[in-house]
Amino acid sequence: MIKLIATDMDGTFLDDKHSYDKKRFSDLLDKLDKLGIVFVVASGRSLLTLEELFADFIDRVAFVAENGSVVTYKGQLISESVMSKDQYLTIARQLDKMTDCQGYLLSGRHGAFAPLFAKDSYIEHVSQYYVNIVKQDLAQVTDEIFKVTAQLEAETIEDGSQALSQLLDGVTAVTTGFDGMDIILESVNKATGLRSLGRHLGIKAEQVMAFGDNGNDIEMLELAGKAIATENAKVQVKAIANQVIGHCNDRAVQRFLEEWVIENDY
């Protein structure tokens, strides 16, 4: 029996305007709460941004943020993984060498930090995913850093992520969108975040239903007892899914879960 439902956000649960139907979601949570099913927001976004996005539901959901680097449940910290300064500065230096890199920043506990030379257009672009963004000498950052996120040209993002994963020790690069990439600790992903949450709640992997669309969802979908991809998902994501549903712009995940509750006599 499913006891935990985890879904990616951008390209999966959210439409391309980064929104969702809060009334429908509240009604769905009411039904899931009665069944003891935990709803998990699993995203590459920062915890700060996710808490802002789900401000009305913070005490009712779990968060697997920063691609698994931070896990909370009803406001309680379950697990976290942070980078060393040497790691994120090494990543920054490598990104500086990439001619197709259009911008990057460090995602931390209290905010996000872009290099002093970051373009305003890049800051504006990522402000929909990160809050408290400041330009700073990265060597002077004192916040705890969970990951580095970067924007590359869409045509080179796959090759770029593979190259960085091979070049850098202790970290891995995963695609988060058509031009987005996150560099995280190689021991961390959404699946490790869900495992931490599962241990805390006494929920097994086969009791997990997960939804995703992109490269950073693959481990989570492979972990889940039931893996579902959206119509707009990448080919490699659809290949490992048990089922492919509608497009994110049609609120396919919300609709699927509403119908799933009814079909299973919930």
Protein backbone atom coordinates (compact mmCIF):
# COMPACT_ATOMS: atom_id res chain seq x y z
CA MET A 1 0.00 0.00 0.00
CA ILE A 2 1.26 3.47 -0.87
CA LYS A 3 2.24 5.46 2.22
CA LEU A 4 4.28 8.28 0.67
CA ILE A 5 3.76 10.34 -2.47
CA ALA A 6 6.75 12.36 -3.71
CA THR A 7 6.68 14.69 -6.66
CA ASP A 8 9.15 16.89 -8.45
CA MET A 9 8.04 20.48 -8.92
CA ASP A 10 9.07 22.25 -12.14
CA GLY A 11 7.93 20.33 -15.19
CA THR A 12 5.98 17.89 -13.05
CA PHE A 13 3.67 19.21 -10.33
CA LEU A 14 3.91 22.86 -11.35
CA ASP A 15 2.88 24.23 -14.74
CA ASP A 16 5.24 26.31 -16.86
CA LYS A 17 4.17 29.40 -14.92
CA HIS A 18 5.46 27.67 -11.76
CA SER A 19 2.02 27.55 -10.16
CA TYR A 20 -0.48 25.00 -8.86
CA ASP A 21 -4.12 24.99 -7.79
CA LYS A 22 -3.96 25.54 -4.03
CA LYS A 23 -7.64 24.81 -3.40
CA ARG A 24 -7.47 21.48 -5.21
CA PHE A 25 -4.21 20.67 -3.45
CA SER A 26 -5.72 21.42 -0.04
CA ASP A 27 -8.65 19.12 -0.78
CA LEU A 28 -6.26 16.38 -1.90
CA LEU A 29 -4.17 16.75 1.25
CA ASP A 30 -7.30 16.35 3.36
CA LYS A 31 -7.91 12.95 1.76
CA LEU A 32 -4.28 11.88 2.01
CA ASP A 33 -4.08 12.96 5.65
CA LYS A 34 -7.04 10.75 6.55
CA LEU A 35 -5.23 7.81 4.98
CA GLY A 36 -1.93 8.52 6.69
CA ILE A 37 -0.22 9.16 3.35
CA VAL A 38 2.65 11.65 3.46
CA PHE A 39 2.97 14.16 0.61
CA VAL A 40 6.54 15.11 -0.27
CA VAL A 41 7.68 18.13 -2.25
CA ALA A 42 10.89 16.86 -3.92
CA SER A 43 12.80 19.49 -5.84
CA GLY A 44 16.13 20.94 -6.83
CA ARG A 45 14.85 24.27 -5.55
CA SER A 46 16.08 25.69 -2.27
CA LEU A 47 14.17 24.92 0.91
CA LEU A 48 13.52 28.65 1.37
CA THR A 49 11.81 28.86 -2.02
CA LEU A 50 9.77 25.71 -1.47
CA GLU A 51 8.60 26.88 1.93
CA GLU A 52 7.50 30.13 0.31
CA LEU A 53 5.71 28.25 -2.48
CA PHE A 54 3.90 25.99 0.01
CA ALA A 55 3.55 28.52 2.82
CA ASP A 56 -0.06 27.44 3.48
CA PHE A 57 0.94 23.78 3.85
CA ILE A 58 4.30 23.76 5.65
CA ASP A 59 2.91 21.84 8.61
CA ARG A 60 1.24 19.26 6.37
CA VAL A 61 3.97 18.19 3.94
CA ALA A 62 7.58 17.04 3.82
CA PHE A 63 10.31 18.70 1.77
CA VAL A 64 13.19 17.02 -0.02
CA ALA A 65 14.96 20.18 -1.17
CA GLU A 66 18.21 20.97 -2.99
CA ASN A 67 17.98 17.61 -4.82
CA GLY A 68 18.03 15.71 -1.53
CA SER A 69 20.56 17.81 0.37
CA VAL A 70 17.96 19.02 2.88
CA VAL A 71 15.00 17.00 4.20
CA THR A 72 12.36 18.33 6.57
CA TYR A 73 9.00 17.07 7.78
CA LYS A 74 6.45 19.38 9.38
CA GLY A 75 9.21 21.85 10.18
CA GLN A 76 11.58 19.25 11.67
CA LEU A 77 15.01 18.80 10.09
CA ILE A 78 15.48 15.14 9.15
CA SER A 79 18.81 15.24 7.30
CA GLU A 80 21.16 17.59 5.48
CA SER A 81 24.42 17.47 3.53
CA VAL A 82 26.66 20.49 2.96
CA MET A 83 29.61 21.13 0.68
CA SER A 84 33.03 22.16 1.87
CA LYS A 85 34.33 25.57 0.80
CA ASP A 86 37.03 23.88 -1.25
CA GLN A 87 34.41 21.87 -3.12
CA TYR A 88 32.17 24.76 -4.14
CA LEU A 89 35.06 27.06 -5.00
CA THR A 90 36.59 24.34 -7.19
CA ILE A 91 33.24 23.95 -8.95
CA ALA A 92 33.02 27.72 -9.43
CA ARG A 93 36.47 27.85 -10.99
CA GLN A 94 35.54 25.07 -13.40
CA LEU A 95 32.31 26.82 -14.40
CA ASP A 96 34.29 30.01 -15.05
CA LYS A 97 36.19 28.10 -17.74
CA MET A 98 33.04 26.96 -19.55
CA THR A 99 32.24 29.35 -22.40
CA ASP A 100 28.63 28.16 -22.59
CA CYS A 101 27.94 28.79 -18.89
CA GLN A 102 25.52 31.72 -18.68
CA GLY A 103 25.61 32.04 -14.90
CA TYR A 104 25.81 30.16 -11.63
CA LEU A 105 25.26 30.58 -7.91
CA LEU A 106 25.75 28.84 -4.59
CA SER A 107 22.59 27.72 -2.83
CA GLY A 108 22.85 28.01 0.94
CA ARG A 109 20.87 27.75 4.13
CA HIS A 110 20.01 31.44 4.34
CA GLY A 111 20.20 32.52 0.71
CA ALA A 112 21.94 32.20 -2.63
CA PHE A 113 25.27 33.71 -3.67
CA ALA A 114 26.29 34.69 -7.18
CA PRO A 115 29.79 35.84 -8.17
CA LEU A 116 30.38 39.57 -8.38
CA PHE A 117 30.45 39.47 -12.19
CA ALA A 118 27.08 37.70 -12.51
CA LYS A 119 24.77 39.24 -15.10
CA ASP A 120 21.59 40.90 -13.86
CA SER A 121 19.65 38.94 -16.48
CA TYR A 122 20.82 35.68 -14.91
CA ILE A 123 19.89 36.86 -11.41
CA GLU A 124 16.44 37.77 -12.66
CA HIS A 125 16.06 34.35 -14.31
CA VAL A 126 16.96 32.31 -11.21
CA SER A 127 15.02 34.52 -8.79
CA GLN A 128 11.95 32.37 -9.49
CA TYR A 129 13.78 29.39 -7.97
CA TYR A 130 15.92 31.03 -5.27
CA VAL A 131 15.39 33.80 -2.72
CA ASN A 132 17.75 36.19 -0.97
CA ILE A 133 20.17 36.24 -3.93
CA VAL A 134 23.21 38.46 -3.47
CA LYS A 135 26.37 39.06 -5.49
CA GLN A 136 29.45 38.37 -3.40
CA ASP A 137 33.06 37.33 -3.48
CA LEU A 138 32.40 33.60 -3.19
CA ALA A 139 35.56 33.06 -1.16
CA GLN A 140 33.98 35.26 1.53
CA VAL A 141 30.71 33.34 1.82
CA THR A 142 30.08 32.15 5.38
CA ASP A 143 26.71 30.45 4.86
CA GLU A 144 26.50 26.66 4.65
CA ILE A 145 26.25 25.67 0.98
CA PHE A 146 24.21 22.71 -0.22
CA LYS A 147 24.87 22.83 -3.96
CA VAL A 148 25.95 24.89 -6.96
CA THR A 149 23.41 25.56 -9.69
CA ALA A 150 24.31 26.70 -13.20
CA GLN A 151 22.67 27.71 -16.46
CA LEU A 152 24.16 26.44 -19.70
CA GLU A 153 22.99 26.56 -23.28
CA ALA A 154 20.22 24.02 -23.82
CA GLU A 155 22.16 22.36 -26.64
CA THR A 156 25.17 21.66 -24.43
CA ILE A 157 23.61 20.98 -21.03
CA GLU A 158 23.79 17.18 -21.26
CA ASP A 159 27.41 17.13 -22.39
CA GLY A 160 28.30 19.79 -19.85
CA SER A 161 26.82 17.88 -16.93
CA GLN A 162 28.62 14.68 -17.96
CA ALA A 163 31.92 16.51 -18.35
CA LEU A 164 31.68 18.15 -14.94
CA SER A 165 30.79 14.87 -13.26
CA GLN A 166 33.94 13.32 -14.73
CA LEU A 167 36.20 16.28 -13.96
CA LEU A 168 35.20 16.95 -10.36
CA ASP A 169 35.80 14.57 -7.46
CA GLY A 170 33.12 14.01 -4.86
CA VAL A 171 30.30 15.72 -6.74
CA THR A 172 27.97 14.99 -9.62
CA ALA A 173 26.10 17.24 -12.06
CA VAL A 174 22.46 16.58 -12.91
CA THR A 175 20.13 18.33 -15.34
CA THR A 176 17.13 20.11 -13.82
CA GLY A 177 15.64 21.64 -16.96
CA PHE A 178 16.45 22.31 -20.58
CA ASP A 179 19.24 24.71 -19.61
CA GLY A 180 19.58 24.11 -15.87
CA MET A 181 22.12 22.01 -14.01
CA ASP A 182 22.78 21.34 -10.32
CA ILE A 183 26.15 20.18 -9.01
CA ILE A 184 25.61 18.27 -5.77
CA LEU A 185 27.56 15.90 -3.55
CA GLU A 186 27.81 12.55 -5.32
CA SER A 187 26.35 10.79 -2.27
CA VAL A 188 23.20 12.93 -2.45
CA ASN A 189 20.09 12.85 -4.64
CA LYS A 190 16.34 12.85 -4.23
CA ALA A 191 16.37 9.11 -3.53
CA THR A 192 18.79 9.47 -0.61
CA GLY A 193 16.56 12.23 0.73
CA LEU A 194 13.51 9.98 0.48
CA ARG A 195 15.38 7.13 2.18
CA SER A 196 16.19 9.42 5.12
CA LEU A 197 12.56 10.46 5.36
CA GLY A 198 11.42 6.85 4.99
CA ARG A 199 13.64 5.71 7.85
CA HIS A 200 12.25 8.49 10.02
CA LEU A 201 8.65 7.58 9.21
CA GLY A 202 9.03 3.80 8.95
CA ILE A 203 8.05 3.77 5.26
CA LYS A 204 9.62 1.35 2.76
CA ALA A 205 10.63 2.13 -0.82
CA GLU A 206 7.90 -0.11 -2.23
CA GLN A 207 5.35 2.08 -0.42
CA VAL A 208 6.49 5.17 -2.35
CA MET A 209 4.81 6.68 -5.41
CA ALA A 210 6.97 9.23 -7.22
CA PHE A 211 6.49 11.67 -10.12
CA GLY A 212 9.23 13.28 -12.21
CA ASP A 213 10.31 14.65 -15.56
CA ASN A 214 14.05 15.30 -15.60
CA GLY A 215 17.51 13.87 -14.96
CA ASN A 216 17.54 14.80 -11.29
CA ASP A 217 14.41 12.67 -10.77
CA ILE A 218 15.85 9.41 -12.06
CA GLU A 219 17.15 8.01 -8.75
CA MET A 220 13.89 8.89 -7.02
CA LEU A 221 11.84 7.13 -9.70
CA GLU A 222 14.11 4.09 -9.58
CA LEU A 223 13.62 3.92 -5.81
CA ALA A 224 9.85 4.20 -5.83
CA GLY A 225 7.49 1.26 -5.85
CA LYS A 226 5.45 3.15 -8.47
CA ALA A 227 7.25 5.59 -10.78
CA ILE A 228 5.30 8.02 -12.96
CA ALA A 229 6.55 10.46 -15.60
CA THR A 230 4.77 13.42 -17.13
CA GLU A 231 4.14 13.65 -20.86
CA ASN A 232 6.76 16.39 -21.14
CA ALA A 233 9.43 14.31 -19.37
CA LYS A 234 12.76 13.51 -20.97
CA VAL A 235 13.00 10.24 -22.88
CA GLN A 236 15.30 8.61 -20.32
CA VAL A 237 12.84 9.45 -17.55
CA LYS A 238 9.88 7.96 -19.40
CA ALA A 239 11.96 4.84 -20.04
CA ILE A 240 12.19 3.99 -16.34
CA ALA A 241 8.65 5.00 -15.40
CA ASN A 242 5.86 2.50 -14.77
CA GLN A 243 3.42 4.94 -16.30
CA VAL A 244 3.36 8.16 -18.33
CA ILE A 245 0.56 10.64 -17.63
CA GLY A 246 -0.40 14.04 -19.06
CA HIS A 247 1.52 17.28 -19.45
CA CYS A 248 2.49 19.39 -16.45
CA ASN A 249 0.58 22.34 -17.93
CA ASP A 250 -2.61 20.28 -17.65
CA ARG A 251 -2.03 19.75 -13.90
CA ALA A 252 -1.61 16.07 -14.71
CA VAL A 253 -0.16 15.07 -11.30
CA GLN A 254 -2.98 16.67 -9.33
CA ARG A 255 -5.56 15.14 -11.64
CA PHE A 256 -3.92 11.71 -11.48
CA LEU A 257 -3.85 11.73 -7.68
CA GLU A 258 -7.46 12.88 -7.42
CA GLU A 259 -8.54 10.02 -9.68
CA TRP A 260 -6.21 7.56 -7.97
CA VAL A 261 -7.81 8.23 -4.58
CA ILE A 262 -11.26 7.56 -6.05
CA GLU A 263 -10.23 4.46 -8.00
CA ASN A 264 -8.68 2.90 -4.92
CA ASP A 265 -11.83 3.53 -2.86
CA TYR A 266 -10.02 6.13 -0.83
